[in-house]
C-alpha atoms as a PDB file:
ATOM      1  CA  MET A   1     -14.127  10.327  -3.703  1.00  0.00           C
ATOM      2  CA  ALA A   2     -11.691  12.370  -3.635  1.00  0.00           C
ATOM      3  CA  VAL A   3      -8.135  11.854  -3.513  1.00  0.00           C
ATOM      4  CA  ASN A   4      -5.970  14.213  -1.169  1.00  0.00           C
ATOM      5  CA  ASP A   5      -2.833  15.869  -3.508  1.00  0.00           C
ATOM      6  CA  GLU A   6      -0.250  15.117  -0.443  1.00  0.00           C
ATOM      7  CA  CYS A   7      -1.291  11.297  -1.443  1.00  0.00           C
ATOM      8  CA  LYS A   8      -0.043  11.757  -5.072  1.00  0.00           C
ATOM      9  CA  LEU A   9       3.078  13.612  -4.143  1.00  0.00           C
ATOM     10  CA  LYS A  10       4.010  11.412  -1.444  1.00  0.00           C
ATOM     11  CA  PHE A  11       3.638   8.543  -3.788  1.00  0.00           C
ATOM     12  CA  LEU A  12       6.142  10.677  -6.374  1.00  0.00           C
ATOM     13  CA  GLU A  13       8.482  10.691  -3.875  1.00  0.00           C
ATOM     14  CA  LEU A  14       8.628   6.997  -3.108  1.00  0.00           C
ATOM     15  CA  LYS A  15       8.960   6.159  -6.746  1.00  0.00           C
ATOM     16  CA  ALA A  16      11.163   8.773  -8.196  1.00  0.00           C
ATOM     17  CA  LYS A  17      13.322   9.861  -4.866  1.00  0.00           C
ATOM     18  CA  ARG A  18      13.082   6.687  -3.105  1.00  0.00           C
ATOM     19  CA  ASN A  19      12.063   8.717  -0.004  1.00  0.00           C
ATOM     20  CA  PHE A  20       9.996   6.656   1.738  1.00  0.00           C
ATOM     21  CA  ARG A  21       9.544   2.762   1.707  1.00  0.00           C
ATOM     22  CA  PHE A  22       6.149   2.447   2.222  1.00  0.00           C
ATOM     23  CA  ILE A  23       2.787   4.827   2.357  1.00  0.00           C
ATOM     24  CA  VAL A  24      -0.589   3.800   4.571  1.00  0.00           C
ATOM     25  CA  PHE A  25      -3.314   5.541   3.310  1.00  0.00           C
ATOM     26  CA  LYS A  26      -6.726   6.041   4.880  1.00  0.00           C
ATOM     27  CA  ILE A  27      -9.949   6.893   3.617  1.00  0.00           C
ATOM     28  CA  ASP A  28     -11.441   9.898   5.570  1.00  0.00           C
ATOM     29  CA  GLU A  29     -14.915   8.996   5.672  1.00  0.00           C
ATOM     30  CA  LYS A  30     -16.079  12.911   6.824  1.00  0.00           C
ATOM     31  CA  LEU A  31     -14.127  14.704   4.152  1.00  0.00           C
ATOM     32  CA  GLN A  32     -15.032  12.132   1.508  1.00  0.00           C
ATOM     33  CA  GLN A  33     -10.946  11.758   0.718  1.00  0.00           C
ATOM     34  CA  VAL A  34      -8.098   9.340   0.902  1.00  0.00           C
ATOM     35  CA  THR A  35      -5.164  10.924   3.029  1.00  0.00           C
ATOM     36  CA  VAL A  36      -1.861   9.756   3.947  1.00  0.00           C
ATOM     37  CA  GLU A  37      -1.760   8.066   7.072  1.00  0.00           C
ATOM     38  CA  LYS A  38       1.731   7.386   7.522  1.00  0.00           C
ATOM     39  CA  LEU A  39       5.226   7.295   6.148  1.00  0.00           C
ATOM     40  CA  GLY A  40       7.784   4.563   6.236  1.00  0.00           C
ATOM     41  CA  GLN A  41      11.363   5.603   6.416  1.00  0.00           C
ATOM     42  CA  PRO A  42      13.736   4.521   3.969  1.00  0.00           C
ATOM     43  CA  GLU A  43      15.313   1.843   6.663  1.00  0.00           C
ATOM     44  CA  GLN A  44      11.838   0.449   7.493  1.00  0.00           C
ATOM     45  CA  SER A  45      11.318  -2.880   6.745  1.00  0.00           C
ATOM     46  CA  TYR A  46       8.133  -4.464   5.382  1.00  0.00           C
ATOM     47  CA  ASP A  47       7.596  -5.975   8.910  1.00  0.00           C
ATOM     48  CA  ASP A  48       7.107  -2.275  10.177  1.00  0.00           C
ATOM     49  CA  LEU A  49       4.391  -1.803   7.286  1.00  0.00           C
ATOM     50  CA  ALA A  50       2.806  -4.907   8.240  1.00  0.00           C
ATOM     51  CA  ALA A  51       2.540  -3.464  11.567  1.00  0.00           C
ATOM     52  CA  SER A  52       1.250  -0.324  10.606  1.00  0.00           C
ATOM     53  CA  LEU A  53      -2.012  -1.892   9.597  1.00  0.00           C
ATOM     54  CA  PRO A  54      -4.569  -1.931  11.919  1.00  0.00           C
ATOM     55  CA  PRO A  55      -6.128  -4.933  12.961  1.00  0.00           C
ATOM     56  CA  ASN A  56      -9.837  -4.344  12.441  1.00  0.00           C
ATOM     57  CA  GLU A  57      -9.833  -1.426   9.904  1.00  0.00           C
ATOM     58  CA  CYS A  58      -9.427  -1.038   5.684  1.00  0.00           C
ATOM     59  CA  ARG A  59      -6.233   0.869   4.650  1.00  0.00           C
ATOM     60  CA  TYR A  60      -4.743   1.242   1.283  1.00  0.00           C
ATOM     61  CA  ALA A  61      -0.600   0.665   1.552  1.00  0.00           C
ATOM     62  CA  VAL A  62       1.953   0.892  -1.256  1.00  0.00           C
ATOM     63  CA  TYR A  63       5.526  -0.747  -0.628  1.00  0.00           C
ATOM     64  CA  ASP A  64       8.959  -0.141  -2.345  1.00  0.00           C
ATOM     65  CA  PHE A  65      10.369  -3.952  -2.396  1.00  0.00           C
ATOM     66  CA  ASP A  66      13.912  -3.793  -3.048  1.00  0.00           C
ATOM     67  CA  PHE A  67      14.908  -7.296  -4.472  1.00  0.00           C
ATOM     68  CA  VAL A  68      17.687  -9.708  -6.121  1.00  0.00           C
ATOM     69  CA  THR A  69      16.769 -11.685  -9.321  1.00  0.00           C
ATOM     70  CA  ASP A  70      18.072 -15.006  -9.955  1.00  0.00           C
ATOM     71  CA  GLU A  71      20.302 -13.230 -12.281  1.00  0.00           C
ATOM     72  CA  ASN A  72      21.552 -11.773  -9.520  1.00  0.00           C
ATOM     73  CA  CYS A  73      20.298  -8.367 -10.866  1.00  0.00           C
ATOM     74  CA  GLN A  74      19.048  -5.990  -8.086  1.00  0.00           C
ATOM     75  CA  ARG A  75      15.439  -5.009  -8.875  1.00  0.00           C
ATOM     76  CA  SER A  76      12.799  -2.699  -7.044  1.00  0.00           C
ATOM     77  CA  LYS A  77       8.563  -3.481  -7.619  1.00  0.00           C
ATOM     78  CA  ILE A  78       6.125  -0.802  -6.175  1.00  0.00           C
ATOM     79  CA  PHE A  79       3.325  -3.093  -4.497  1.00  0.00           C
ATOM     80  CA  PHE A  80       0.002  -1.593  -4.047  1.00  0.00           C
ATOM     81  CA  ILE A  81      -1.649  -3.712  -1.014  1.00  0.00           C
ATOM     82  CA  ALA A  82      -5.723  -3.440  -0.244  1.00  0.00           C
ATOM     83  CA  TRP A  83      -6.085  -4.381   3.372  1.00  0.00           C
ATOM     84  CA  SER A  84      -9.523  -5.072   4.307  1.00  0.00           C
ATOM     85  CA  PRO A  85      -9.499  -7.179   7.356  1.00  0.00           C
ATOM     86  CA  ASP A  86     -12.364  -9.592   8.299  1.00  0.00           C
ATOM     87  CA  ALA A  87     -12.946  -7.470  11.345  1.00  0.00           C
ATOM     88  CA  SER A  88     -13.525  -4.419   9.821  1.00  0.00           C
ATOM     89  CA  ARG A  89     -16.852  -2.575   9.445  1.00  0.00           C
ATOM     90  CA  VAL A  90     -18.804  -4.087   6.115  1.00  0.00           C
ATOM     91  CA  ARG A  91     -19.138  -0.244   5.380  1.00  0.00           C
ATOM     92  CA  SER A  92     -15.919   0.174   5.498  1.00  0.00           C
ATOM     93  CA  LYS A  93     -14.667  -2.675   3.428  1.00  0.00           C
ATOM     94  CA  MET A  94     -17.683  -1.330   0.560  1.00  0.00           C
ATOM     95  CA  LEU A  95     -15.785   2.224   0.628  1.00  0.00           C
ATOM     96  CA  TYR A  96     -12.527   0.425   0.030  1.00  0.00           C
ATOM     97  CA  ALA A  97     -13.661  -1.644  -2.512  1.00  0.00           C
ATOM     98  CA  SER A  98     -15.600   0.652  -3.993  1.00  0.00           C
ATOM     99  CA  SER A  99     -12.513   3.479  -4.131  1.00  0.00           C
ATOM    100  CA  LYS A 100      -9.766   1.135  -5.057  1.00  0.00           C
ATOM    101  CA  ASP A 101      -9.474   1.132  -8.862  1.00  0.00           C
ATOM    102  CA  ARG A 102      -9.897   4.943  -8.997  1.00  0.00           C
ATOM    103  CA  PHE A 103      -7.208   5.677  -6.248  1.00  0.00           C
ATOM    104  CA  LYS A 104      -5.086   3.347  -8.056  1.00  0.00           C
ATOM    105  CA  ARG A 105      -5.147   5.268 -11.306  1.00  0.00           C
ATOM    106  CA  GLU A 106      -4.016   7.999  -9.454  1.00  0.00           C
ATOM    107  CA  LEU A 107      -1.071   6.435  -8.578  1.00  0.00           C
ATOM    108  CA  ASP A 108       1.035   5.892 -11.866  1.00  0.00           C
ATOM    109  CA  GLY A 109       3.693   3.503 -11.664  1.00  0.00           C
ATOM    110  CA  ILE A 110       2.518   0.428  -9.195  1.00  0.00           C
ATOM    111  CA  GLN A 111       3.625  -2.805 -10.777  1.00  0.00           C
ATOM    112  CA  VAL A 112       1.863  -5.200  -8.283  1.00  0.00           C
ATOM    113  CA  GLU A 113      -0.998  -5.855  -6.348  1.00  0.00           C
ATOM    114  CA  VAL A 114      -2.097  -7.675  -3.619  1.00  0.00           C
ATOM    115  CA  GLN A 115      -5.385  -8.126  -1.730  1.00  0.00           C
ATOM    116  CA  ALA A 116      -5.388  -9.139   2.040  1.00  0.00           C
ATOM    117  CA  THR A 117      -7.739 -10.068   4.050  1.00  0.00           C
ATOM    118  CA  ASP A 118      -5.472 -11.575   7.210  1.00  0.00           C
ATOM    119  CA  PRO A 119      -1.669 -11.075   7.739  1.00  0.00           C
ATOM    120  CA  SER A 120      -1.050 -14.250   6.215  1.00  0.00           C
ATOM    121  CA  GLU A 121      -2.128 -13.167   2.584  1.00  0.00           C
ATOM    122  CA  MET A 122       0.365 -10.490   2.600  1.00  0.00           C
ATOM    123  CA  SER A 123       3.483 -12.100   4.296  1.00  0.00           C
ATOM    124  CA  ILE A 124       7.097 -11.346   2.762  1.00  0.00           C
ATOM    125  CA  ASP A 125       6.904 -14.593   1.278  1.00  0.00           C
ATOM    126  CA  ILE A 126       3.656 -13.698  -0.794  1.00  0.00           C
ATOM    127  CA  VAL A 127       5.658 -10.542  -1.876  1.00  0.00           C
ATOM    128  CA  LYS A 128       8.668 -12.272  -2.703  1.00  0.00           C
ATOM    129  CA  GLY A 129       6.732 -14.788  -5.488  1.00  0.00           C
ATOM    130  CA  ARG A 130       4.749 -12.113  -6.793  1.00  0.00           C
ATOM    131  CA  ALA A 131       7.562  -9.684  -7.363  1.00  0.00           C
ATOM    132  CA  ILE A 132       9.384 -12.022  -9.867  1.00  0.00           C
END
């Protein structure tokens, strides 16, 4: 599975310049490559990301999560979300699962991975718990 250059460029912008809050990636089966589907603006929230994920199709996403530690320090972690809802096609689930590790390696700087098959598995509380 190829990775479109735009995926890496937009991820670098998210990581270094913080131009985006999140990025949703889609595998284009005809082109056999991962492409950028949606860019979340810096003022958008985690709920906006969750709403961007289709209920019956797989996606990858990265999310730049800002939080404050118990010591009152401002921190940020980049989450990789592998979204594979139960309602999606088996072929699609297999394609996303088999391409995930290679795609993740292309995005240097991911700190936490979350795998979700329904929205409850990627709630903001889970993200907060994994960040600290």
